[in-house]
PDB file of N, CA and C in Angstrom:
ATOM      1  N   MET A   1      -4.633  14.355  68.433  1.00  0.00           N
ATOM      2  CA  MET A   1      -4.197  13.861  67.144  1.00  0.00           C
ATOM      3  C   MET A   1      -4.533  12.368  67.077  1.00  0.00           C
ATOM      4  N   SER A   2      -5.157  11.956  65.943  1.00  0.00           N
ATOM      5  CA  SER A   2      -5.555  10.564  65.813  1.00  0.00           C
ATOM      6  C   SER A   2      -4.333   9.716  65.448  1.00  0.00           C
ATOM      7  N   ASP A   3      -4.563   8.436  65.522  1.00  0.00           N
ATOM      8  CA  ASP A   3      -3.480   7.491  65.226  1.00  0.00           C
ATOM      9  C   ASP A   3      -3.048   7.606  63.754  1.00  0.00           C
ATOM     10  N   GLN A   4      -4.030   7.780  62.841  1.00  0.00           N
ATOM     11  CA  GLN A   4      -3.733   7.917  61.405  1.00  0.00           C
ATOM     12  C   GLN A   4      -2.927   9.184  61.152  1.00  0.00           C
ATOM     13  N   GLN A   5      -3.305  10.284  61.763  1.00  0.00           N
ATOM     14  CA  GLN A   5      -2.598  11.547  61.568  1.00  0.00           C
ATOM     15  C   GLN A   5      -1.175  11.456  62.115  1.00  0.00           C
ATOM     16  N   HIS A   6      -1.003  10.720  63.234  1.00  0.00           N
ATOM     17  CA  HIS A   6       0.326  10.546  63.823  1.00  0.00           C
ATOM     18  C   HIS A   6       1.247   9.777  62.863  1.00  0.00           C
ATOM     19  N   ARG A   7       0.700   8.727  62.239  1.00  0.00           N
ATOM     20  CA  ARG A   7       1.501   7.957  61.279  1.00  0.00           C
ATOM     21  C   ARG A   7       1.840   8.797  60.047  1.00  0.00           C
ATOM     22  N   ASP A   8       0.874   9.607  59.586  1.00  0.00           N
ATOM     23  CA  ASP A   8       1.125  10.464  58.427  1.00  0.00           C
ATOM     24  C   ASP A   8       2.220  11.484  58.735  1.00  0.00           C
ATOM     25  N   ALA A   9       2.199  12.054  59.922  1.00  0.00           N
ATOM     26  CA  ALA A   9       3.205  13.045  60.309  1.00  0.00           C
ATOM     27  C   ALA A   9       4.577  12.393  60.424  1.00  0.00           C
ATOM     28  N   ALA A  10       4.630  11.165  60.963  1.00  0.00           N
ATOM     29  CA  ALA A  10       5.904  10.456  61.088  1.00  0.00           C
ATOM     30  C   ALA A  10       6.466  10.122  59.699  1.00  0.00           C
ATOM     31  N   LEU A  11       5.585   9.714  58.793  1.00  0.00           N
ATOM     32  CA  LEU A  11       6.018   9.392  57.436  1.00  0.00           C
ATOM     33  C   LEU A  11       6.519  10.648  56.731  1.00  0.00           C
ATOM     34  N   ALA A  12       5.817  11.751  56.898  1.00  0.00           N
ATOM     35  CA  ALA A  12       6.238  13.004  56.259  1.00  0.00           C
ATOM     36  C   ALA A  12       7.599  13.442  56.786  1.00  0.00           C
ATOM     37  N   ALA A  13       7.839  13.305  58.069  1.00  0.00           N
ATOM     38  CA  ALA A  13       9.130  13.690  58.655  1.00  0.00           C
ATOM     39  C   ALA A  13      10.247  12.794  58.123  1.00  0.00           C
ATOM     40  N   ALA A  14       9.975  11.499  57.988  1.00  0.00           N
ATOM     41  CA  ALA A  14      10.984  10.567  57.488  1.00  0.00           C
ATOM     42  C   ALA A  14      11.309  10.876  56.024  1.00  0.00           C
ATOM     43  N   LEU A  15      10.301  11.210  55.254  1.00  0.00           N
ATOM     44  CA  LEU A  15      10.541  11.546  53.852  1.00  0.00           C
ATOM     45  C   LEU A  15      11.348  12.835  53.724  1.00  0.00           C
ATOM     46  N   LYS A  16      11.073  13.820  54.572  1.00  0.00           N
ATOM     47  CA  LYS A  16      11.833  15.077  54.533  1.00  0.00           C
ATOM     48  C   LYS A  16      13.286  14.840  54.903  1.00  0.00           C
ATOM     49  N   ARG A  17      13.537  13.994  55.912  1.00  0.00           N
ATOM     50  CA  ARG A  17      14.924  13.686  56.294  1.00  0.00           C
ATOM     51  C   ARG A  17      15.657  12.993  55.145  1.00  0.00           C
ATOM     52  N   ALA A  18      14.982  12.047  54.460  1.00  0.00           N
ATOM     53  CA  ALA A  18      15.609  11.332  53.341  1.00  0.00           C
ATOM     54  C   ALA A  18      15.911  12.304  52.198  1.00  0.00           C
ATOM     55  N   ALA A  19      14.988  13.230  51.927  1.00  0.00           N
ATOM     56  CA  ALA A  19      15.200  14.195  50.848  1.00  0.00           C
ATOM     57  C   ALA A  19      16.349  15.136  51.196  1.00  0.00           C
ATOM     58  N   ASP A  20      16.440  15.573  52.457  1.00  0.00           N
ATOM     59  CA  ASP A  20      17.540  16.462  52.850  1.00  0.00           C
ATOM     60  C   ASP A  20      18.883  15.748  52.726  1.00  0.00           C
ATOM     61  N   GLY A  21      18.941  14.495  53.136  1.00  0.00           N
ATOM     62  CA  GLY A  21      20.189  13.738  53.050  1.00  0.00           C
ATOM     63  C   GLY A  21      20.613  13.537  51.600  1.00  0.00           C
ATOM     64  N   ALA A  22      19.658  13.227  50.737  1.00  0.00           N
ATOM     65  CA  ALA A  22      19.969  13.027  49.325  1.00  0.00           C
ATOM     66  C   ALA A  22      20.405  14.334  48.686  1.00  0.00           C
ATOM     67  N   ALA A  23      19.792  15.431  49.070  1.00  0.00           N
ATOM     68  CA  ALA A  23      20.152  16.730  48.500  1.00  0.00           C
ATOM     69  C   ALA A  23      21.577  17.116  48.869  1.00  0.00           C
ATOM     70  N   ARG A  24      22.021  16.755  50.084  1.00  0.00           N
ATOM     71  CA  ARG A  24      23.401  17.075  50.488  1.00  0.00           C
ATOM     72  C   ARG A  24      24.423  16.231  49.726  1.00  0.00           C
ATOM     73  N   ARG A  25      24.024  15.033  49.294  1.00  0.00           N
ATOM     74  CA  ARG A  25      24.974  14.162  48.597  1.00  0.00           C
ATOM     75  C   ARG A  25      24.991  14.371  47.087  1.00  0.00           C
ATOM     76  N   VAL A  26      24.011  15.043  46.546  1.00  0.00           N
ATOM     77  CA  VAL A  26      23.934  15.229  45.101  1.00  0.00           C
ATOM     78  C   VAL A  26      24.934  16.288  44.668  1.00  0.00           C
ATOM     79  N   VAL A  27      25.676  15.940  43.614  1.00  0.00           N
ATOM     80  CA  VAL A  27      26.633  16.885  43.033  1.00  0.00           C
ATOM     81  C   VAL A  27      26.154  17.179  41.609  1.00  0.00           C
ATOM     82  N   PRO A  28      25.817  18.422  41.310  1.00  0.00           N
ATOM     83  CA  PRO A  28      25.351  18.714  39.960  1.00  0.00           C
ATOM     84  C   PRO A  28      26.465  18.536  38.938  1.00  0.00           C
ATOM     85  N   ALA A  29      26.070  18.228  37.718  1.00  0.00           N
ATOM     86  CA  ALA A  29      27.035  18.043  36.632  1.00  0.00           C
ATOM     87  C   ALA A  29      27.652  19.390  36.286  1.00  0.00           C
ATOM     88  N   PRO A  30      28.898  19.363  35.831  1.00  0.00           N
ATOM     89  CA  PRO A  30      29.532  20.620  35.444  1.00  0.00           C
ATOM     90  C   PRO A  30      28.799  21.256  34.260  1.00  0.00           C
ATOM     91  N   PRO A  31      28.834  22.589  34.153  1.00  0.00           N
ATOM     92  CA  PRO A  31      28.107  23.274  33.075  1.00  0.00           C
ATOM     93  C   PRO A  31      28.540  22.819  31.677  1.00  0.00           C
ATOM     94  N   ALA A  32      29.810  22.495  31.489  1.00  0.00           N
ATOM     95  CA  ALA A  32      30.273  22.053  30.165  1.00  0.00           C
ATOM     96  C   ALA A  32      29.603  20.738  29.766  1.00  0.00           C
ATOM     97  N   GLU A  33      29.457  19.828  30.724  1.00  0.00           N
ATOM     98  CA  GLU A  33      28.807  18.545  30.436  1.00  0.00           C
ATOM     99  C   GLU A  33      27.320  18.744  30.123  1.00  0.00           C
ATOM    100  N   VAL A  34      26.687  19.655  30.849  1.00  0.00           N
ATOM    101  CA  VAL A  34      25.277  19.949  30.587  1.00  0.00           C
ATOM    102  C   VAL A  34      25.120  20.528  29.180  1.00  0.00           C
ATOM    103  N   ALA A  35      26.039  21.381  28.768  1.00  0.00           N
ATOM    104  CA  ALA A  35      25.982  21.980  27.430  1.00  0.00           C
ATOM    105  C   ALA A  35      26.174  20.914  26.352  1.00  0.00           C
ATOM    106  N   VAL A  36      27.096  19.962  26.592  1.00  0.00           N
ATOM    107  CA  VAL A  36      27.319  18.883  25.624  1.00  0.00           C
ATOM    108  C   VAL A  36      26.054  18.030  25.480  1.00  0.00           C
ATOM    109  N   ARG A  37      25.403  17.727  26.594  1.00  0.00           N
ATOM    110  CA  ARG A  37      24.160  16.943  26.540  1.00  0.00           C
ATOM    111  C   ARG A  37      23.085  17.690  25.753  1.00  0.00           C
ATOM    112  N   GLY A  38      23.017  18.991  25.960  1.00  0.00           N
ATOM    113  CA  GLY A  38      22.027  19.800  25.242  1.00  0.00           C
ATOM    114  C   GLY A  38      22.273  19.795  23.743  1.00  0.00           C
ATOM    115  N   ARG A  39      23.557  19.913  23.338  1.00  0.00           N
ATOM    116  CA  ARG A  39      23.885  19.879  21.909  1.00  0.00           C
ATOM    117  C   ARG A  39      23.539  18.519  21.301  1.00  0.00           C
ATOM    118  N   ARG A  40      23.835  17.459  22.019  1.00  0.00           N
ATOM    119  CA  ARG A  40      23.490  16.119  21.517  1.00  0.00           C
ATOM    120  C   ARG A  40      21.978  15.975  21.341  1.00  0.00           C
ATOM    121  N   ARG A  41      21.242  16.448  22.330  1.00  0.00           N
ATOM    122  CA  ARG A  41      19.782  16.322  22.245  1.00  0.00           C
ATOM    123  C   ARG A  41      19.230  17.139  21.082  1.00  0.00           C
ATOM    124  N   ARG A  42      19.732  18.350  20.881  1.00  0.00           N
ATOM    125  CA  ARG A  42      19.283  19.155  19.743  1.00  0.00           C
ATOM    126  C   ARG A  42      19.633  18.479  18.425  1.00  0.00           C
ATOM    127  N   GLY A  43      20.807  17.858  18.370  1.00  0.00           N
ATOM    128  CA  GLY A  43      21.190  17.148  17.148  1.00  0.00           C
ATOM    129  C   GLY A  43      20.269  15.979  16.845  1.00  0.00           C
ATOM    130  N   ARG A  44      19.921  15.214  17.887  1.00  0.00           N
ATOM    131  CA  ARG A  44      18.995  14.086  17.692  1.00  0.00           C
ATOM    132  C   ARG A  44      17.610  14.580  17.287  1.00  0.00           C
ATOM    133  N   THR A  45      17.175  15.682  17.889  1.00  0.00           N
ATOM    134  CA  THR A  45      15.871  16.243  17.536  1.00  0.00           C
ATOM    135  C   THR A  45      15.864  16.711  16.086  1.00  0.00           C
ATOM    136  N   LEU A  46      16.935  17.374  15.672  1.00  0.00           N
ATOM    137  CA  LEU A  46      17.035  17.844  14.293  1.00  0.00           C
ATOM    138  C   LEU A  46      17.075  16.662  13.312  1.00  0.00           C
ATOM    139  N   ALA A  47      17.818  15.610  13.652  1.00  0.00           N
ATOM    140  CA  ALA A  47      17.886  14.434  12.777  1.00  0.00           C
ATOM    141  C   ALA A  47      16.517  13.762  12.664  1.00  0.00           C
ATOM    142  N   ALA A  48      15.796  13.677  13.770  1.00  0.00           N
ATOM    143  CA  ALA A  48      14.459  13.072  13.725  1.00  0.00           C
ATOM    144  C   ALA A  48      13.512  13.924  12.875  1.00  0.00           C
ATOM    145  N   ALA A  49      13.610  15.248  13.001  1.00  0.00           N
ATOM    146  CA  ALA A  49      12.757  16.131  12.199  1.00  0.00           C
ATOM    147  C   ALA A  49      13.096  16.007  10.714  1.00  0.00           C
ATOM    148  N   ALA A  50      14.376  15.908  10.390  1.00  0.00           N
ATOM    149  CA  ALA A  50      14.777  15.766   8.985  1.00  0.00           C
ATOM    150  C   ALA A  50      14.292  14.432   8.418  1.00  0.00           C
ATOM    151  N   ALA A  51      14.410  13.359   9.189  1.00  0.00           N
ATOM    152  CA  ALA A  51      13.943  12.051   8.725  1.00  0.00           C
ATOM    153  C   ALA A  51      12.423  12.059   8.519  1.00  0.00           C
ATOM    154  N   THR A  52      11.712  12.708   9.416  1.00  0.00           N
ATOM    155  CA  THR A  52      10.261  12.812   9.271  1.00  0.00           C
ATOM    156  C   THR A  52       9.898  13.594   8.013  1.00  0.00           C
ATOM    157  N   ALA A  53      10.612  14.696   7.763  1.00  0.00           N
ATOM    158  CA  ALA A  53      10.345  15.503   6.573  1.00  0.00           C
ATOM    159  C   ALA A  53      10.601  14.707   5.296  1.00  0.00           C
ATOM    160  N   VAL A  54      11.678  13.916   5.278  1.00  0.00           N
ATOM    161  CA  VAL A  54      11.977  13.093   4.102  1.00  0.00           C
ATOM    162  C   VAL A  54      10.863  12.065   3.874  1.00  0.00           C
ATOM    163  N   CYS A  55      10.392  11.446   4.939  1.00  0.00           N
ATOM    164  CA  CYS A  55       9.315  10.453   4.799  1.00  0.00           C
ATOM    165  C   CYS A  55       8.030  11.102   4.303  1.00  0.00           C
ATOM    166  N   VAL A  56       7.691  12.279   4.840  1.00  0.00           N
ATOM    167  CA  VAL A  56       6.460  12.956   4.417  1.00  0.00           C
ATOM    168  C   VAL A  56       6.570  13.376   2.958  1.00  0.00           C
ATOM    169  N   LEU A  57       7.704  13.930   2.556  1.00  0.00           N
ATOM    170  CA  LEU A  57       7.873  14.350   1.168  1.00  0.00           C
ATOM    171  C   LEU A  57       7.859  13.146   0.221  1.00  0.00           C
ATOM    172  N   GLY A  58       8.498  12.059   0.623  1.00  0.00           N
ATOM    173  CA  GLY A  58       8.499  10.850  -0.214  1.00  0.00           C
ATOM    174  C   GLY A  58       7.096  10.285  -0.378  1.00  0.00           C
ATOM    175  N   ALA A  59       6.332  10.229   0.713  1.00  0.00           N
ATOM    176  CA  ALA A  59       4.963   9.706   0.625  1.00  0.00           C
ATOM    177  C   ALA A  59       4.085  10.629  -0.214  1.00  0.00           C
ATOM    178  N   THR A  60       4.272  11.940  -0.063  1.00  0.00           N
ATOM    179  CA  THR A  60       3.500  12.886  -0.854  1.00  0.00           C
ATOM    180  C   THR A  60       3.824  12.744  -2.340  1.00  0.00           C
ATOM    181  N   GLY A  61       5.096  12.600  -2.656  1.00  0.00           N
ATOM    182  CA  GLY A  61       5.496  12.415  -4.052  1.00  0.00           C
ATOM    183  C   GLY A  61       4.942  11.135  -4.639  1.00  0.00           C
ATOM    184  N   ALA A  62       4.967  10.062  -3.856  1.00  0.00           N
ATOM    185  CA  ALA A  62       4.435   8.785  -4.353  1.00  0.00           C
ATOM    186  C   ALA A  62       2.930   8.880  -4.596  1.00  0.00           C
ATOM    187  N   LEU A  63       2.220   9.509  -3.692  1.00  0.00           N
ATOM    188  CA  LEU A  63       0.772   9.652  -3.872  1.00  0.00           C
ATOM    189  C   LEU A  63       0.459  10.555  -5.059  1.00  0.00           C
ATOM    190  N   ALA A  64       1.252  11.596  -5.233  1.00  0.00           N
ATOM    191  CA  ALA A  64       1.028  12.481  -6.379  1.00  0.00           C
ATOM    192  C   ALA A  64       1.290  11.732  -7.683  1.00  0.00           C
ATOM    193  N   ALA A  65       2.337  10.924  -7.712  1.00  0.00           N
ATOM    194  CA  ALA A  65       2.644  10.162  -8.926  1.00  0.00           C
ATOM    195  C   ALA A  65       1.529   9.162  -9.232  1.00  0.00           C
ATOM    196  N   LEU A  66       0.978   8.546  -8.218  1.00  0.00           N
ATOM    197  CA  LEU A  66      -0.120   7.605  -8.439  1.00  0.00           C
ATOM    198  C   LEU A  66      -1.378   8.335  -8.906  1.00  0.00           C
ATOM    199  N   GLY A  67      -1.585   9.530  -8.395  1.00  0.00           N
ATOM    200  CA  GLY A  67      -2.770  10.291  -8.782  1.00  0.00           C
ATOM    201  C   GLY A  67      -2.677  10.859 -10.181  1.00  0.00           C
ATOM    202  N   LEU A  68      -1.475  11.074 -10.706  1.00  0.00           N
ATOM    203  CA  LEU A  68      -1.305  11.664 -12.027  1.00  0.00           C
ATOM    204  C   LEU A  68      -1.223  10.637 -13.147  1.00  0.00           C
ATOM    205  N   ARG A  69      -1.299   9.369 -12.820  1.00  0.00           N
ATOM    206  CA  ARG A  69      -1.254   8.333 -13.855  1.00  0.00           C
ATOM    207  C   ARG A  69      -2.486   8.441 -14.732  1.00  0.00           C
ATOM    208  N   PRO A  70      -2.346   8.182 -16.043  1.00  0.00           N
ATOM    209  CA  PRO A  70      -3.532   8.218 -16.903  1.00  0.00           C
ATOM    210  C   PRO A  70      -4.444   7.036 -16.582  1.00  0.00           C
ATOM    211  N   ASP A  71      -5.733   7.259 -16.824  1.00  0.00           N
ATOM    212  CA  ASP A  71      -6.697   6.193 -16.588  1.00  0.00           C
ATOM    213  C   ASP A  71      -6.476   5.078 -17.608  1.00  0.00           C
ATOM    214  N   PRO A  72      -6.717   3.838 -17.227  1.00  0.00           N
ATOM    215  CA  PRO A  72      -6.583   2.742 -18.192  1.00  0.00           C
ATOM    216  C   PRO A  72      -7.655   2.886 -19.270  1.00  0.00           C
ATOM    217  N   PRO A  73      -7.415   2.344 -20.461  1.00  0.00           N
ATOM    218  CA  PRO A  73      -8.418   2.467 -21.529  1.00  0.00           C
ATOM    219  C   PRO A  73      -9.725   1.795 -21.113  1.00  0.00           C
ATOM    220  N   ALA A  74     -10.824   2.368 -21.580  1.00  0.00           N
ATOM    221  CA  ALA A  74     -12.138   1.842 -21.223  1.00  0.00           C
ATOM    222  C   ALA A  74     -12.398   0.542 -21.967  1.00  0.00           C
ATOM    223  N   VAL A  75     -13.057  -0.357 -21.314  1.00  0.00           N
ATOM    224  CA  VAL A  75     -13.427  -1.635 -21.905  1.00  0.00           C
ATOM    225  C   VAL A  75     -14.725  -1.418 -22.685  1.00  0.00           C
ATOM    226  N   PRO A  76     -14.861  -1.970 -23.893  1.00  0.00           N
ATOM    227  CA  PRO A  76     -16.099  -1.782 -24.654  1.00  0.00           C
ATOM    228  C   PRO A  76     -17.303  -2.294 -23.881  1.00  0.00           C
ATOM    229  N   ALA A  77     -18.409  -1.600 -24.038  1.00  0.00           N
ATOM    230  CA  ALA A  77     -19.625  -1.959 -23.318  1.00  0.00           C
ATOM    231  C   ALA A  77     -20.423  -2.966 -24.120  1.00  0.00           C
ATOM    232  N   THR A  78     -19.929  -4.168 -24.252  1.00  0.00           N
ATOM    233  CA  THR A  78     -20.634  -5.234 -24.964  1.00  0.00           C
ATOM    234  C   THR A  78     -20.871  -6.371 -23.999  1.00  0.00           C
ATOM    235  N   ARG A  79     -21.877  -7.136 -24.341  1.00  0.00           N
ATOM    236  CA  ARG A  79     -22.147  -8.309 -23.517  1.00  0.00           C
ATOM    237  C   ARG A  79     -21.171  -9.412 -23.903  1.00  0.00           C
ATOM    238  N   PRO A  80     -20.725 -10.173 -22.959  1.00  0.00           N
ATOM    239  CA  PRO A  80     -19.820 -11.268 -23.311  1.00  0.00           C
ATOM    240  C   PRO A  80     -20.542 -12.309 -24.139  1.00  0.00           C
ATOM    241  N   SER A  81     -19.845 -12.853 -25.125  1.00  0.00           N
ATOM    242  CA  SER A  81     -20.445 -13.889 -25.963  1.00  0.00           C
ATOM    243  C   SER A  81     -20.539 -15.173 -25.164  1.00  0.00           C
ATOM    244  N   PRO A  82     -21.601 -15.940 -25.393  1.00  0.00           N
ATOM    245  CA  PRO A  82     -21.736 -17.174 -24.616  1.00  0.00           C
ATOM    246  C   PRO A  82     -20.638 -18.165 -24.991  1.00  0.00           C
ATOM    247  N   ALA A  83     -20.263 -18.920 -24.044  1.00  0.00           N
ATOM    248  CA  ALA A  83     -19.233 -19.931 -24.263  1.00  0.00           C
ATOM    249  C   ALA A  83     -19.814 -21.048 -25.123  1.00  0.00           C
ATOM    250  N   PRO A  84     -19.016 -21.649 -25.983  1.00  0.00           N
ATOM    251  CA  PRO A  84     -19.530 -22.759 -26.800  1.00  0.00           C
ATOM    252  C   PRO A  84     -19.976 -23.902 -25.900  1.00  0.00           C
ATOM    253  N   SER A  85     -21.040 -24.546 -26.333  1.00  0.00           N
ATOM    254  CA  SER A  85     -21.592 -25.642 -25.555  1.00  0.00           C
ATOM    255  C   SER A  85     -20.642 -26.833 -25.607  1.00  0.00           C
ATOM    256  N   THR A  86     -20.429 -27.420 -24.486  1.00  0.00           N
ATOM    257  CA  THR A  86     -19.568 -28.606 -24.429  1.00  0.00           C
ATOM    258  C   THR A  86     -20.394 -29.860 -24.190  1.00  0.00           C
ATOM    259  N   SER A  87     -21.756 -29.724 -24.280  1.00  0.00           N
ATOM    260  CA  SER A  87     -22.586 -30.910 -24.024  1.00  0.00           C
ATOM    261  C   SER A  87     -22.599 -31.871 -25.207  1.00  0.00           C
ATOM    262  N   TYR A  88     -22.367 -31.373 -26.428  1.00  0.00           N
ATOM    263  CA  TYR A  88     -22.347 -32.242 -27.607  1.00  0.00           C
ATOM    264  C   TYR A  88     -20.913 -32.376 -28.092  1.00  0.00           C
ATOM    265  N   PRO A  89     -20.532 -33.588 -28.514  1.00  0.00           N
ATOM    266  CA  PRO A  89     -19.163 -33.731 -29.030  1.00  0.00           C
ATOM    267  C   PRO A  89     -19.038 -33.059 -30.393  1.00  0.00           C
ATOM    268  N   ALA A  90     -17.864 -32.665 -30.745  1.00  0.00           N
ATOM    269  CA  ALA A  90     -17.598 -32.044 -32.045  1.00  0.00           C
ATOM    270  C   ALA A  90     -17.846 -33.072 -33.145  1.00  0.00           C
ATOM    271  N   PRO A  91     -18.362 -32.627 -34.319  1.00  0.00           N
ATOM    272  CA  PRO A  91     -18.624 -33.601 -35.399  1.00  0.00           C
ATOM    273  C   PRO A  91     -17.318 -34.200 -35.912  1.00  0.00           C
ATOM    274  N   ILE A  92     -17.418 -35.453 -36.266  1.00  0.00           N
ATOM    275  CA  ILE A  92     -16.249 -36.171 -36.793  1.00  0.00           C
ATOM    276  C   ILE A  92     -16.223 -35.962 -38.302  1.00  0.00           C
ATOM    277  N   PRO A  93     -15.085 -35.566 -38.879  1.00  0.00           N
ATOM    278  CA  PRO A  93     -15.038 -35.365 -40.332  1.00  0.00           C
ATOM    279  C   PRO A  93     -15.312 -36.674 -41.067  1.00  0.00           C
ATOM    280  N   SER A  94     -16.053 -36.543 -42.149  1.00  0.00           N
ATOM    281  CA  SER A  94     -16.426 -37.711 -42.936  1.00  0.00           C
ATOM    282  C   SER A  94     -15.275 -38.108 -43.856  1.00  0.00           C
ATOM    283  N   PRO A  95     -14.998 -39.399 -44.012  1.00  0.00           N
ATOM    284  CA  PRO A  95     -13.939 -39.819 -44.926  1.00  0.00           C
ATOM    285  C   PRO A  95     -14.394 -39.779 -46.384  1.00  0.00           C
ATOM    286  N   ILE A  96     -15.701 -39.627 -46.645  1.00  0.00           N
ATOM    287  CA  ILE A  96     -16.218 -39.589 -48.016  1.00  0.00           C
ATOM    288  C   ILE A  96     -16.021 -38.176 -48.546  1.00  0.00           C
ATOM    289  N   PRO A  97     -15.453 -38.015 -49.750  1.00  0.00           N
ATOM    290  CA  PRO A  97     -15.255 -36.668 -50.277  1.00  0.00           C
ATOM    291  C   PRO A  97     -16.593 -36.019 -50.589  1.00  0.00           C
ATOM    292  N   SER A  98     -16.651 -34.750 -50.482  1.00  0.00           N
ATOM    293  CA  SER A  98     -17.862 -33.972 -50.731  1.00  0.00           C
ATOM    294  C   SER A  98     -18.084 -33.860 -52.229  1.00  0.00           C
ATOM    295  N   LEU A  99     -19.362 -33.841 -52.650  1.00  0.00           N
ATOM    296  CA  LEU A  99     -19.697 -33.716 -54.059  1.00  0.00           C
ATOM    297  C   LEU A  99     -19.750 -32.253 -54.483  1.00  0.00           C
ATOM    298  N   THR A 100     -19.780 -31.348 -53.543  1.00  0.00           N
ATOM    299  CA  THR A 100     -19.819 -29.924 -53.860  1.00  0.00           C
ATOM    300  C   THR A 100     -18.410 -29.472 -54.204  1.00  0.00           C
ATOM    301  N   PRO A 101     -18.259 -28.804 -55.374  1.00  0.00           N
ATOM    302  CA  PRO A 101     -16.900 -28.358 -55.718  1.00  0.00           C
ATOM    303  C   PRO A 101     -16.458 -27.263 -54.756  1.00  0.00           C
ATOM    304  N   THR A 102     -15.213 -27.312 -54.447  1.00  0.00           N
ATOM    305  CA  THR A 102     -14.685 -26.328 -53.508  1.00  0.00           C
ATOM    306  C   THR A 102     -14.118 -25.126 -54.221  1.00  0.00           C
ATOM    307  N   ALA A 103     -13.888 -25.222 -55.535  1.00  0.00           N
ATOM    308  CA  ALA A 103     -13.358 -24.083 -56.283  1.00  0.00           C
ATOM    309  C   ALA A 103     -14.037 -24.058 -57.641  1.00  0.00           C
ATOM    310  N   PHE A 104     -14.218 -22.885 -58.184  1.00  0.00           N
ATOM    311  CA  PHE A 104     -14.815 -22.744 -59.496  1.00  0.00           C
ATOM    312  C   PHE A 104     -13.743 -22.944 -60.557  1.00  0.00           C
ATOM    313  N   PRO A 105     -14.137 -23.489 -61.710  1.00  0.00           N
ATOM    314  CA  PRO A 105     -13.149 -23.593 -62.793  1.00  0.00           C
ATOM    315  C   PRO A 105     -12.723 -22.191 -63.218  1.00  0.00           C
ATOM    316  N   SER A 106     -11.534 -22.079 -63.721  1.00  0.00           N
ATOM    317  CA  SER A 106     -10.995 -20.766 -64.059  1.00  0.00           C
ATOM    318  C   SER A 106     -11.722 -20.109 -65.230  1.00  0.00           C
ATOM    319  N   SER A 107     -12.448 -20.887 -66.084  1.00  0.00           N
ATOM    320  CA  SER A 107     -13.123 -20.299 -67.242  1.00  0.00           C
ATOM    321  C   SER A 107     -14.480 -19.726 -66.869  1.00  0.00           C
ATOM    322  N   VAL A 108     -15.058 -20.141 -65.745  1.00  0.00           N
ATOM    323  CA  VAL A 108     -16.381 -19.661 -65.347  1.00  0.00           C
ATOM    324  C   VAL A 108     -16.194 -18.716 -64.173  1.00  0.00           C
ATOM    325  N   PRO A 109     -16.675 -17.457 -64.306  1.00  0.00           N
ATOM    326  CA  PRO A 109     -16.545 -16.548 -63.163  1.00  0.00           C
ATOM    327  C   PRO A 109     -17.515 -16.948 -62.059  1.00  0.00           C
ATOM    328  N   PRO A 110     -17.214 -16.634 -60.837  1.00  0.00           N
ATOM    329  CA  PRO A 110     -18.124 -16.990 -59.739  1.00  0.00           C
ATOM    330  C   PRO A 110     -19.402 -16.172 -59.853  1.00  0.00           C
ATOM    331  N   PRO A 111     -20.529 -16.716 -59.429  1.00  0.00           N
ATOM    332  CA  PRO A 111     -21.796 -15.967 -59.491  1.00  0.00           C
ATOM    333  C   PRO A 111     -21.735 -14.773 -58.547  1.00  0.00           C
ATOM    334  N   PRO A 112     -22.471 -13.705 -58.884  1.00  0.00           N
ATOM    335  CA  PRO A 112     -22.494 -12.545 -57.995  1.00  0.00           C
ATOM    336  C   PRO A 112     -23.088 -12.921 -56.646  1.00  0.00           C
ATOM    337  N   ILE A 113     -22.700 -12.190 -55.665  1.00  0.00           N
ATOM    338  CA  ILE A 113     -23.201 -12.442 -54.308  1.00  0.00           C
ATOM    339  C   ILE A 113     -24.680 -12.120 -54.280  1.00  0.00           C
ATOM    340  N   GLY A 114     -25.460 -12.968 -53.698  1.00  0.00           N
ATOM    341  CA  GLY A 114     -26.892 -12.760 -53.563  1.00  0.00           C
ATOM    342  C   GLY A 114     -27.675 -13.348 -54.716  1.00  0.00           C
ATOM    343  N   SER A 115     -27.052 -13.810 -55.777  1.00  0.00           N
ATOM    344  CA  SER A 115     -27.802 -14.409 -56.894  1.00  0.00           C
ATOM    345  C   SER A 115     -28.034 -15.863 -56.615  1.00  0.00           C
ATOM    346  N   ARG A 116     -29.068 -16.391 -57.275  1.00  0.00           N
ATOM    347  CA  ARG A 116     -29.403 -17.815 -57.053  1.00  0.00           C
ATOM    348  C   ARG A 116     -28.728 -18.655 -58.130  1.00  0.00           C
ATOM    349  N   ASN A 117     -28.259 -19.812 -57.728  1.00  0.00           N
ATOM    350  CA  ASN A 117     -27.651 -20.728 -58.688  1.00  0.00           C
ATOM    351  C   ASN A 117     -28.765 -21.504 -59.378  1.00  0.00           C
ATOM    352  N   PRO A 118     -28.699 -21.734 -60.753  1.00  0.00           N
ATOM    353  CA  PRO A 118     -29.753 -22.480 -61.460  1.00  0.00           C
ATOM    354  C   PRO A 118     -29.805 -23.931 -61.115  1.00  0.00           C
TER     355      PRO A 118
END
């Protein structure tokens, strides 16, 4: 027997002695206590399953509600109008009154649209 095998055999014997000693000192729990532990564990398992089911149903309902929403109205397919140029300042109103009348006298009807003024 080699030196390594001798050490392995000694270690195995020591482990068996320790296991036998521990087995003699171990006292199993009474059956009533084991049954109580089992009921508690089943209760925790059932509570975890119920909580998981509630989360899955809630997430499914939320996703279904999001999927059933109506589509937003479509935006018209037009090109955006260009922004007004800011390179030139706005014209300043003239203090001189305009010579063009802004209203027709009540006795003369306005000319038809598209006709030329004499």
